[in-house]
Amino acid sequence: MFKPTVDIVSKTSSSQTEKIFRILNFSIPVFMGIYLLAKPLPVSAVNEFCFYLSVSALLLLLVFKKTAFTLHSPLTLPFVLFFIWAVFGLFFTLDFKNTLHDLRGHLLEYLIIFYLLVNYFNSQKMLEILSVIVIAGATIFSVGAINQYYFIEGFPVSARLGDPTFTGAMQTDLIGFTTTFASILALHLFHKNKTGIYKILFITCFLITTAATLLTQSRGSLIGLGASFIILCFANKRNLIFVILAALLIFLMPGMSDRIKNEGFIKDVRIKINRLTLEIIKDHPVTGIGFGMEIYGNKNVLDLERLNKQLPPEYQQNGEIVAAPHNIILDIAVRTGVVGLALFLYILITSLWMLWRTLQLTKNEHYKLLAIYLFASITSFLLPALFADAMFGPRAIIFYTMLAMITILWNLAWQEKTKGTISSP
């Protein structure tokens, strides 16, 4: 496969060869930066182009041993175990083709992105650049979405942003995964930077992305946003201002207070969806129905109507049955069984342990503050993920980006600790 490339490289001079490898090493963070910037935007071709170019560049560098790329991370073992178990599920899946497809497209690809970010954004400066990229992508999306929905399409401000015209990966209830993470990072960089122009820039991004989150009126997103802001008060007491401001906006926003009063934060239909998913888990408790994400709604392999009728009348869904778990815990459990769920929880617990250890290891106040902001970020993801399918599309990329940033911060804190130990008498 690489023989023609090897022949070309062997015929070039040493200086030219080294220049090629430097370009390849430089191109990977560039392509991955574009990938993350464009992920919330309707430009899927750009995402695919950047991803495969990054992987191709990495493969060439690995073949010629011109990269320090490593899989070493506290998350590697839980990732490997979860991946192996998901692959093992191919022997028991209800839909082999869909499972095989999603193992590549919705697990292996995300793991590759994680390791590309960890290896090529592995300094304090690059970690900050990564934050700026996430903020920029979410802000561009938010400005475009608000402009299109309220000014071009003419919906009233009381309408939920994107409903019903936004479909696919960035529909109304899913927007908050991207915008809340960006809000948290923008607030962090607002406090970190002392230059006036940067403070104005980041507070503007914070206000835009927070406004987009609030305008969705998604109760899951509001729970995640509110919880993260409360956590951030422990990092900086001045963040209490933003908590109060967000709370006021929620209750002053047209239509929001009625939505909360009439429907609360948990719909009856979500309880019914959860009960139906538990019935499926009972039938496939160990290995699940397979990692494929279309299996749950595939009438040819899974009879949801029959299972729905087995439930007590008060838990039965009337009319069309919702063909998705809408809960990250139940989603993992139904697709990979209780073993897969335990391994996924292993990933989450390890990431939280890394943040806690970072706080213990480092004396760098910047690292400590970032650890708290990343804890707020992972919390802001997991809470709404209890009410949505969060393990594919832009929100899954957000999840693996959070894990990558936690790992990079962990590595920086560990390097700081190691150097301090070596230099100490």
Protein backbone atom coordinates (compact mmCIF):
# COMPACT_ATOMS: atom_id res chain seq x y z
CA MET A 1 0.00 0.00 0.00
CA PHE A 2 2.77 2.44 0.97
CA LYS A 3 5.42 1.08 -1.44
CA PRO A 4 5.00 3.85 -4.09
CA THR A 5 5.27 6.48 -1.36
CA VAL A 6 8.32 4.76 0.14
CA ASP A 7 9.99 4.73 -3.29
CA ILE A 8 9.31 8.45 -3.78
CA VAL A 9 10.64 9.35 -0.34
CA SER A 10 13.77 7.22 -0.82
CA LYS A 11 14.64 9.15 -4.01
CA THR A 12 14.47 12.58 -2.35
CA SER A 13 17.32 14.22 -0.51
CA SER A 14 17.58 14.06 3.28
CA SER A 15 16.71 17.74 3.75
CA GLN A 16 13.67 17.46 1.47
CA THR A 17 12.54 14.32 3.29
CA GLU A 18 12.76 15.99 6.68
CA LYS A 19 10.81 18.95 5.33
CA ILE A 20 8.05 16.62 4.14
CA PHE A 21 7.83 14.99 7.57
CA ARG A 22 7.73 18.37 9.31
CA ILE A 23 4.88 19.43 7.02
CA LEU A 24 3.02 16.19 7.75
CA ASN A 25 3.44 16.64 11.52
CA PHE A 26 2.26 20.24 11.23
CA SER A 27 -0.69 19.33 9.01
CA ILE A 28 -2.34 16.97 11.51
CA PRO A 29 -3.26 19.59 14.16
CA VAL A 30 -4.26 21.95 11.33
CA PHE A 31 -6.64 19.40 9.80
CA MET A 32 -7.97 18.35 13.20
CA GLY A 33 -8.52 22.00 14.10
CA ILE A 34 -10.55 22.51 10.94
CA TYR A 35 -12.42 19.27 11.68
CA LEU A 36 -13.49 20.47 15.16
CA LEU A 37 -14.27 23.98 13.92
CA ALA A 38 -16.54 22.66 11.18
CA LYS A 39 -18.18 19.83 13.15
CA PRO A 40 -21.21 21.84 14.35
CA LEU A 41 -21.66 23.33 10.86
CA PRO A 42 -23.51 21.76 7.89
CA VAL A 43 -20.28 20.92 6.04
CA SER A 44 -19.90 17.16 6.55
CA ALA A 45 -17.67 16.84 3.49
CA VAL A 46 -15.08 19.11 5.14
CA ASN A 47 -15.12 16.93 8.25
CA GLU A 48 -14.57 13.74 6.27
CA PHE A 49 -11.82 15.35 4.18
CA CYS A 50 -9.91 16.61 7.23
CA PHE A 51 -10.29 13.37 9.18
CA TYR A 52 -8.97 11.12 6.43
CA LEU A 53 -6.14 13.49 5.58
CA SER A 54 -5.09 13.49 9.25
CA VAL A 55 -5.18 9.70 9.42
CA SER A 56 -3.25 9.38 6.15
CA ALA A 57 -0.57 11.78 7.39
CA LEU A 58 -0.31 9.87 10.66
CA LEU A 59 0.05 6.52 8.88
CA LEU A 60 2.90 7.87 6.75
CA LEU A 61 4.66 9.25 9.82
CA LEU A 62 4.23 5.94 11.63
CA VAL A 63 5.60 3.96 8.68
CA PHE A 64 8.74 6.11 8.56
CA LYS A 65 8.92 6.42 12.37
CA LYS A 66 8.86 10.21 12.23
CA THR A 67 6.35 10.82 14.98
CA ALA A 68 6.29 10.41 18.75
CA PHE A 69 2.65 9.31 18.54
CA THR A 70 1.68 7.20 21.55
CA LEU A 71 -1.37 5.41 22.89
CA HIS A 72 -0.14 5.78 26.46
CA SER A 73 -2.93 7.17 28.64
CA PRO A 74 -4.86 6.17 31.77
CA LEU A 75 -7.89 5.90 29.46
CA THR A 76 -6.26 3.43 27.07
CA LEU A 77 -7.08 0.31 29.10
CA PRO A 78 -10.80 1.16 29.57
CA PHE A 79 -11.01 2.20 25.89
CA VAL A 80 -9.44 -1.08 24.75
CA LEU A 81 -11.65 -3.20 27.00
CA PHE A 82 -14.80 -1.40 25.88
CA PHE A 83 -13.82 -1.67 22.21
CA ILE A 84 -13.00 -5.39 22.50
CA TRP A 85 -16.32 -6.05 24.22
CA ALA A 86 -18.21 -4.09 21.55
CA VAL A 87 -16.44 -6.13 18.84
CA PHE A 88 -17.23 -9.34 20.74
CA GLY A 89 -20.88 -8.30 20.45
CA LEU A 90 -20.67 -9.02 16.70
CA PHE A 91 -21.21 -12.69 17.58
CA PHE A 92 -24.53 -11.88 19.27
CA THR A 93 -25.81 -8.76 17.52
CA LEU A 94 -29.28 -8.66 15.98
CA ASP A 95 -27.87 -6.80 12.96
CA PHE A 96 -24.28 -7.69 12.04
CA LYS A 97 -23.98 -5.18 9.18
CA ASN A 98 -25.14 -2.16 11.19
CA THR A 99 -23.00 -3.14 14.19
CA LEU A 100 -19.89 -3.53 12.04
CA HIS A 101 -20.55 -0.16 10.38
CA ASP A 102 -21.04 1.68 13.68
CA LEU A 103 -18.02 0.06 15.33
CA ARG A 104 -15.95 1.78 12.67
CA GLY A 105 -17.93 5.00 12.25
CA HIS A 106 -19.07 5.66 15.81
CA LEU A 107 -16.37 4.13 17.99
CA LEU A 108 -13.08 3.48 16.22
CA GLU A 109 -13.22 6.85 14.44
CA TYR A 110 -13.91 8.67 17.72
CA LEU A 111 -11.03 6.87 19.44
CA ILE A 112 -8.70 7.89 16.59
CA ILE A 113 -9.83 11.51 17.01
CA PHE A 114 -9.15 11.26 20.75
CA TYR A 115 -5.57 10.07 20.25
CA LEU A 116 -4.89 12.59 17.47
CA LEU A 117 -5.95 15.40 19.80
CA VAL A 118 -3.97 14.02 22.75
CA ASN A 119 -0.80 13.66 20.68
CA TYR A 120 -0.92 16.85 18.62
CA PHE A 121 -2.42 19.33 21.11
CA ASN A 122 -0.12 18.18 23.91
CA SER A 123 1.11 21.47 25.34
CA GLN A 124 -0.46 24.24 27.39
CA LYS A 125 -0.45 26.54 24.35
CA MET A 126 -1.99 23.91 22.06
CA LEU A 127 -4.58 23.06 24.69
CA GLU A 128 -5.62 26.72 24.73
CA ILE A 129 -5.77 26.72 20.92
CA LEU A 130 -7.99 23.65 21.09
CA SER A 131 -10.32 25.54 23.44
CA VAL A 132 -10.43 28.51 21.06
CA ILE A 133 -11.31 26.20 18.14
CA VAL A 134 -14.22 24.65 20.07
CA ILE A 135 -15.46 28.11 21.09
CA ALA A 136 -15.16 29.48 17.54
CA GLY A 137 -17.06 26.59 15.95
CA ALA A 138 -19.92 26.81 18.47
CA THR A 139 -20.10 30.61 18.21
CA ILE A 140 -20.22 30.57 14.40
CA PHE A 141 -22.96 27.93 14.57
CA SER A 142 -24.92 29.91 17.19
CA VAL A 143 -24.80 33.17 15.23
CA GLY A 144 -25.85 31.39 12.04
CA ALA A 145 -28.62 29.39 13.74
CA ILE A 146 -30.12 32.39 15.56
CA ASN A 147 -29.97 34.54 12.42
CA GLN A 148 -31.54 31.87 10.21
CA TYR A 149 -34.27 30.81 12.62
CA TYR A 150 -35.45 34.13 14.04
CA PHE A 151 -34.56 36.66 11.36
CA ILE A 152 -34.68 34.75 8.06
CA GLU A 153 -37.35 32.15 8.84
CA GLY A 154 -39.21 34.66 11.04
CA PHE A 155 -40.03 32.53 14.10
CA PRO A 156 -40.91 34.46 17.29
CA VAL A 157 -38.39 34.64 20.14
CA SER A 158 -40.74 32.47 22.22
CA ALA A 159 -40.21 29.57 19.78
CA ARG A 160 -37.56 26.96 20.60
CA LEU A 161 -34.45 27.56 18.52
CA GLY A 162 -34.50 25.20 15.54
CA ASP A 163 -37.84 23.53 16.21
CA PRO A 164 -39.08 22.08 13.88
CA THR A 165 -36.91 23.14 10.93
CA PHE A 166 -33.51 22.02 12.30
CA THR A 167 -33.10 18.28 11.83
CA GLY A 168 -30.32 15.74 12.08
CA ALA A 169 -27.26 16.16 14.29
CA MET A 170 -28.02 19.75 15.41
CA GLN A 171 -31.72 19.64 16.15
CA THR A 172 -33.14 21.63 19.05
CA ASP A 173 -32.52 19.23 21.95
CA LEU A 174 -28.97 18.48 20.78
CA ILE A 175 -27.64 22.01 20.24
CA GLY A 176 -26.85 22.47 23.93
CA PHE A 177 -24.14 19.79 23.96
CA THR A 178 -22.02 21.96 21.68
CA THR A 179 -22.94 25.42 22.95
CA THR A 180 -22.66 24.68 26.69
CA PHE A 181 -19.14 23.28 26.35
CA ALA A 182 -18.13 26.37 24.38
CA SER A 183 -19.70 28.65 27.02
CA ILE A 184 -17.66 27.01 29.78
CA LEU A 185 -14.40 27.26 27.83
CA ALA A 186 -15.13 30.87 26.86
CA LEU A 187 -15.72 31.77 30.50
CA HIS A 188 -12.43 30.11 31.43
CA LEU A 189 -10.45 32.07 28.81
CA PHE A 190 -12.29 35.26 29.78
CA HIS A 191 -10.94 34.98 33.33
CA LYS A 192 -7.51 33.74 32.21
CA ASN A 193 -6.74 36.53 29.75
CA LYS A 194 -5.91 39.98 31.07
CA THR A 195 -5.88 41.82 27.73
CA GLY A 196 -9.04 43.88 27.22
CA ILE A 197 -9.68 42.86 23.60
CA TYR A 198 -9.46 39.16 24.46
CA LYS A 199 -11.78 39.58 27.45
CA ILE A 200 -14.35 41.30 25.23
CA LEU A 201 -13.97 38.61 22.58
CA PHE A 202 -14.45 35.68 24.96
CA ILE A 203 -17.29 37.23 26.94
CA THR A 204 -19.05 37.90 23.63
CA CYS A 205 -18.62 34.26 22.64
CA PHE A 206 -19.88 33.23 26.08
CA LEU A 207 -23.01 35.36 25.77
CA ILE A 208 -23.78 34.16 22.23
CA THR A 209 -23.37 30.44 22.98
CA THR A 210 -25.24 30.73 26.29
CA ALA A 211 -28.07 32.58 24.52
CA ALA A 212 -28.25 29.79 21.93
CA THR A 213 -28.49 27.20 24.73
CA LEU A 214 -31.27 29.12 26.49
CA LEU A 215 -33.18 29.71 23.26
CA THR A 216 -33.46 25.96 22.66
CA GLN A 217 -35.53 25.78 25.88
CA SER A 218 -34.21 22.24 26.21
CA ARG A 219 -34.67 21.24 29.82
CA GLY A 220 -31.79 18.77 29.67
CA SER A 221 -29.47 21.47 28.35
CA LEU A 222 -30.68 23.92 31.00
CA ILE A 223 -29.97 21.38 33.75
CA GLY A 224 -26.47 20.82 32.35
CA LEU A 225 -25.83 24.55 31.96
CA GLY A 226 -27.08 25.35 35.46
CA ALA A 227 -25.11 22.54 37.11
CA SER A 228 -21.90 23.53 35.32
CA PHE A 229 -22.27 27.18 36.31
CA ILE A 230 -22.75 26.22 39.97
CA ILE A 231 -19.57 24.11 39.82
CA LEU A 232 -17.73 27.04 38.25
CA CYS A 233 -18.56 29.19 41.28
CA PHE A 234 -16.01 27.06 43.16
CA ALA A 235 -13.37 28.07 40.60
CA ASN A 236 -14.24 31.76 40.67
CA LYS A 237 -16.83 33.39 42.92
CA ARG A 238 -17.44 36.02 40.23
CA ASN A 239 -19.08 33.29 38.15
CA LEU A 240 -22.07 33.61 40.49
CA ILE A 241 -22.99 36.70 38.44
CA PHE A 242 -23.38 34.53 35.36
CA VAL A 243 -25.44 31.95 37.27
CA ILE A 244 -27.87 34.67 38.37
CA LEU A 245 -27.94 36.18 34.88
CA ALA A 246 -28.71 32.82 33.25
CA ALA A 247 -31.46 32.11 35.80
CA LEU A 248 -33.07 35.49 35.13
CA LEU A 249 -32.95 34.93 31.38
CA ILE A 250 -34.59 31.52 31.77
CA PHE A 251 -37.59 32.95 33.63
CA LEU A 252 -37.82 36.15 31.58
CA MET A 253 -37.61 34.35 28.24
CA PRO A 254 -41.02 34.27 26.49
CA GLY A 255 -42.54 30.81 26.66
CA MET A 256 -39.87 29.28 28.90
CA SER A 257 -41.63 29.59 32.25
CA ASP A 258 -44.84 28.10 30.78
CA ARG A 259 -42.85 25.22 29.29
CA ILE A 260 -41.32 24.38 32.68
CA LYS A 261 -44.64 24.75 34.56
CA ASN A 262 -46.65 22.69 32.09
CA GLU A 263 -44.15 19.90 31.40
CA GLY A 264 -41.66 19.97 34.23
CA PHE A 265 -38.16 18.66 33.73
CA ILE A 266 -39.14 15.03 33.16
CA LYS A 267 -41.90 14.09 30.74
CA ASP A 268 -44.05 11.00 31.32
CA VAL A 269 -43.03 9.80 27.86
CA ARG A 270 -39.38 9.61 28.96
CA ILE A 271 -40.35 7.27 31.80
CA LYS A 272 -42.21 5.11 29.27
CA ILE A 273 -39.20 5.09 26.93
CA ASN A 274 -36.95 4.03 29.81
CA ARG A 275 -39.30 1.20 30.79
CA LEU A 276 -39.38 -0.10 27.22
CA THR A 277 -35.59 0.01 27.01
CA LEU A 278 -35.32 -1.92 30.28
CA GLU A 279 -37.54 -4.64 28.78
CA ILE A 280 -35.09 -5.02 25.90
CA ILE A 281 -32.15 -5.12 28.31
CA LYS A 282 -33.89 -7.91 30.25
CA ASP A 283 -34.02 -9.97 27.03
CA HIS A 284 -30.35 -9.23 26.17
CA PRO A 285 -28.69 -8.53 29.53
CA VAL A 286 -25.07 -9.58 28.97
CA THR A 287 -24.09 -8.73 25.39
CA GLY A 288 -26.92 -6.39 24.40
CA ILE A 289 -28.56 -6.18 20.99
CA GLY A 290 -25.33 -5.07 19.29
CA PHE A 291 -23.40 -1.81 19.02
CA GLY A 292 -25.30 -0.74 15.88
CA MET A 293 -27.36 2.36 16.57
CA GLU A 294 -30.12 1.56 14.09
CA ILE A 295 -30.93 -1.83 15.64
CA TYR A 296 -33.23 -0.38 18.31
CA GLY A 297 -35.61 1.01 15.68
CA ASN A 298 -35.28 -1.85 13.19
CA LYS A 299 -38.67 -3.57 13.13
CA ASN A 300 -37.19 -6.53 11.26
CA VAL A 301 -35.00 -7.58 14.18
CA LEU A 302 -36.64 -6.02 17.24
CA ASP A 303 -40.39 -6.00 17.86
CA LEU A 304 -40.90 -2.88 19.98
CA GLU A 305 -44.70 -3.09 19.70
CA ARG A 306 -44.74 -6.54 21.28
CA LEU A 307 -42.44 -5.46 24.10
CA ASN A 308 -44.48 -2.28 24.62
CA LYS A 309 -47.66 -4.33 25.07
CA GLN A 310 -45.96 -6.42 27.77
CA LEU A 311 -45.58 -3.35 29.97
CA PRO A 312 -48.22 -2.27 32.52
CA PRO A 313 -50.80 0.01 30.81
CA GLU A 314 -49.53 3.15 32.57
CA TYR A 315 -46.06 2.60 31.05
CA GLN A 316 -47.15 1.75 27.52
CA GLN A 317 -46.44 4.25 24.74
CA ASN A 318 -49.54 5.19 22.78
CA GLY A 319 -49.39 5.72 19.04
CA GLU A 320 -45.97 5.67 17.40
CA ILE A 321 -43.30 4.15 19.64
CA VAL A 322 -40.13 6.18 20.21
CA ALA A 323 -37.41 4.08 18.60
CA ALA A 324 -34.42 5.28 20.66
CA PRO A 325 -33.43 5.02 24.34
CA HIS A 326 -32.87 8.79 24.85
CA ASN A 327 -30.62 8.03 27.81
CA ILE A 328 -26.85 7.54 27.60
CA ILE A 329 -26.75 4.89 30.35
CA LEU A 330 -29.61 2.83 28.95
CA ASP A 331 -28.32 3.36 25.40
CA ILE A 332 -24.94 1.81 26.25
CA ALA A 333 -26.60 -0.96 28.29
CA VAL A 334 -29.07 -1.95 25.57
CA ARG A 335 -26.38 -2.01 22.86
CA THR A 336 -23.50 -3.63 24.78
CA GLY A 337 -25.18 -5.23 27.79
CA VAL A 338 -24.38 -4.71 31.46
CA VAL A 339 -20.75 -5.67 30.84
CA GLY A 340 -20.40 -2.94 28.22
CA LEU A 341 -22.10 -0.47 30.56
CA ALA A 342 -19.64 -1.36 33.35
CA LEU A 343 -16.72 -0.77 30.97
CA PHE A 344 -18.19 2.54 29.82
CA LEU A 345 -18.56 3.62 33.44
CA TYR A 346 -14.90 2.60 33.85
CA ILE A 347 -14.05 5.19 31.18
CA LEU A 348 -16.06 7.89 32.97
CA ILE A 349 -14.68 7.07 36.41
CA THR A 350 -11.11 7.06 35.07
CA SER A 351 -11.57 10.50 33.49
CA LEU A 352 -12.97 11.90 36.76
CA TRP A 353 -10.11 10.30 38.69
CA MET A 354 -7.64 12.00 36.33
CA LEU A 355 -9.18 15.38 37.12
CA TRP A 356 -9.06 14.72 40.85
CA ARG A 357 -5.42 13.56 40.65
CA THR A 358 -4.54 16.62 38.57
CA LEU A 359 -5.82 18.83 41.37
CA GLN A 360 -3.62 16.87 43.78
CA LEU A 361 -0.50 16.70 41.61
CA THR A 362 -0.17 20.21 40.26
CA LYS A 363 0.89 23.43 41.93
CA ASN A 364 0.02 25.37 38.78
CA GLU A 365 -3.10 27.41 39.51
CA HIS A 366 -3.96 27.51 35.80
CA TYR A 367 -4.03 23.71 35.67
CA LYS A 368 -6.16 23.53 38.82
CA LEU A 369 -8.70 25.99 37.46
CA LEU A 370 -8.84 24.21 34.10
CA ALA A 371 -9.45 20.91 35.91
CA ILE A 372 -12.51 22.43 37.59
CA TYR A 373 -13.76 23.86 34.28
CA LEU A 374 -13.33 20.47 32.60
CA PHE A 375 -15.20 18.81 35.46
CA ALA A 376 -18.00 21.31 34.89
CA SER A 377 -17.85 20.47 31.18
CA ILE A 378 -18.16 16.71 31.64
CA THR A 379 -21.03 17.32 34.09
CA SER A 380 -22.76 19.60 31.59
CA PHE A 381 -22.52 16.77 29.05
CA LEU A 382 -23.60 13.83 31.20
CA LEU A 383 -26.70 15.43 32.73
CA PRO A 384 -28.51 16.24 29.45
CA ALA A 385 -27.19 12.95 28.05
CA LEU A 386 -29.57 11.24 30.50
CA PHE A 387 -32.38 12.62 28.30
CA ALA A 388 -30.84 12.25 24.82
CA ASP A 389 -28.91 9.91 22.51
CA ALA A 390 -25.46 11.39 22.93
CA MET A 391 -22.97 8.85 21.59
CA PHE A 392 -22.87 9.79 17.92
CA GLY A 393 -22.55 12.93 15.82
CA PRO A 394 -21.23 16.30 17.04
CA ARG A 395 -22.13 15.61 20.67
CA ALA A 396 -20.01 12.43 20.69
CA ILE A 397 -17.12 14.43 19.25
CA ILE A 398 -17.63 16.93 22.09
CA PHE A 399 -17.47 14.05 24.58
CA TYR A 400 -14.21 12.64 23.19
CA THR A 401 -12.76 16.16 22.93
CA MET A 402 -13.49 16.63 26.64
CA LEU A 403 -11.75 13.34 27.41
CA ALA A 404 -8.79 14.39 25.24
CA MET A 405 -8.49 17.73 27.04
CA ILE A 406 -8.63 15.95 30.41
CA THR A 407 -5.86 13.62 29.25
CA ILE A 408 -3.70 16.47 27.94
CA LEU A 409 -4.11 18.34 31.23
CA TRP A 410 -3.28 15.16 33.15
CA ASN A 411 -0.10 14.71 31.07
CA LEU A 412 0.94 18.32 31.68
CA ALA A 413 0.38 17.99 35.44
CA TRP A 414 2.27 14.68 35.50
CA GLN A 415 5.20 16.18 33.55
CA GLU A 416 5.28 19.09 36.00
CA LYS A 417 5.31 16.68 38.95
CA THR A 418 8.02 14.50 37.38
CA LYS A 419 10.29 17.45 36.62
CA GLY A 420 9.83 18.72 40.17
CA THR A 421 10.78 15.33 41.57
CA ILE A 422 13.86 15.03 39.33
CA SER A 423 15.09 18.55 40.11
CA SER A 424 14.52 18.29 43.83
CA PRO A 425 17.59 17.52 45.99
